[in-house]
Amino acid sequence: MRIKFFSATKLVCAAMFFLLLAGVSARAADKDLKLEAELVLGTNEAQTNGTPVSPQIEKKLKRLPLKWGSYFVINSQQFSVAKDESKNVSLSGECQISVTNLGGERVKITLIGDGQIIGKITQSLKKGQALVAGGIVGQTFVVLRQID
């Protein structure tokens, strides 16, 4: 009889541990997302305006079916978005984005070019990944990524 009581105690302790762990994980998923949005210019010419994109972003862009050989950051903005909140970010006079934190590392980005909504993308955005959204104005596009 004592063995069953001891096993039940272990089972209850293990269940409480996993419930506590699940609660901590749920709260971690609901924290603010720290993001960086970059307005990137694609070109085949020598560029003196802007800085070259990071090697990680360049590697990702080279894998996409884009027609340019070089990529330069024209503007970069870092910001935070709370769960179920939206943040409007202006990257240039013609380019704005609205980013909504849907929770669980999911974001919705609305692209706005010359005051018109160009498109919306909903996607998971884990650390180390980048969301590339194009077609805003001319040869520019937005790279959105989660930062520390």
Foldseek 3Di string as FASTA:
>chain_A
DVVVVVVVVVVVVVVVVVVVVVVVVQVVQQAKFKKKKFKKFFAQDDDPAAAFDDPLVLVVVVPDPDDGDTMGTNFMDIDIAGAQGKDWDDRDPFWIWIWHHPTRQWIKIFIGGNNHTDDIDIDRADAPDWDWADDRDDRITMIMHTDD
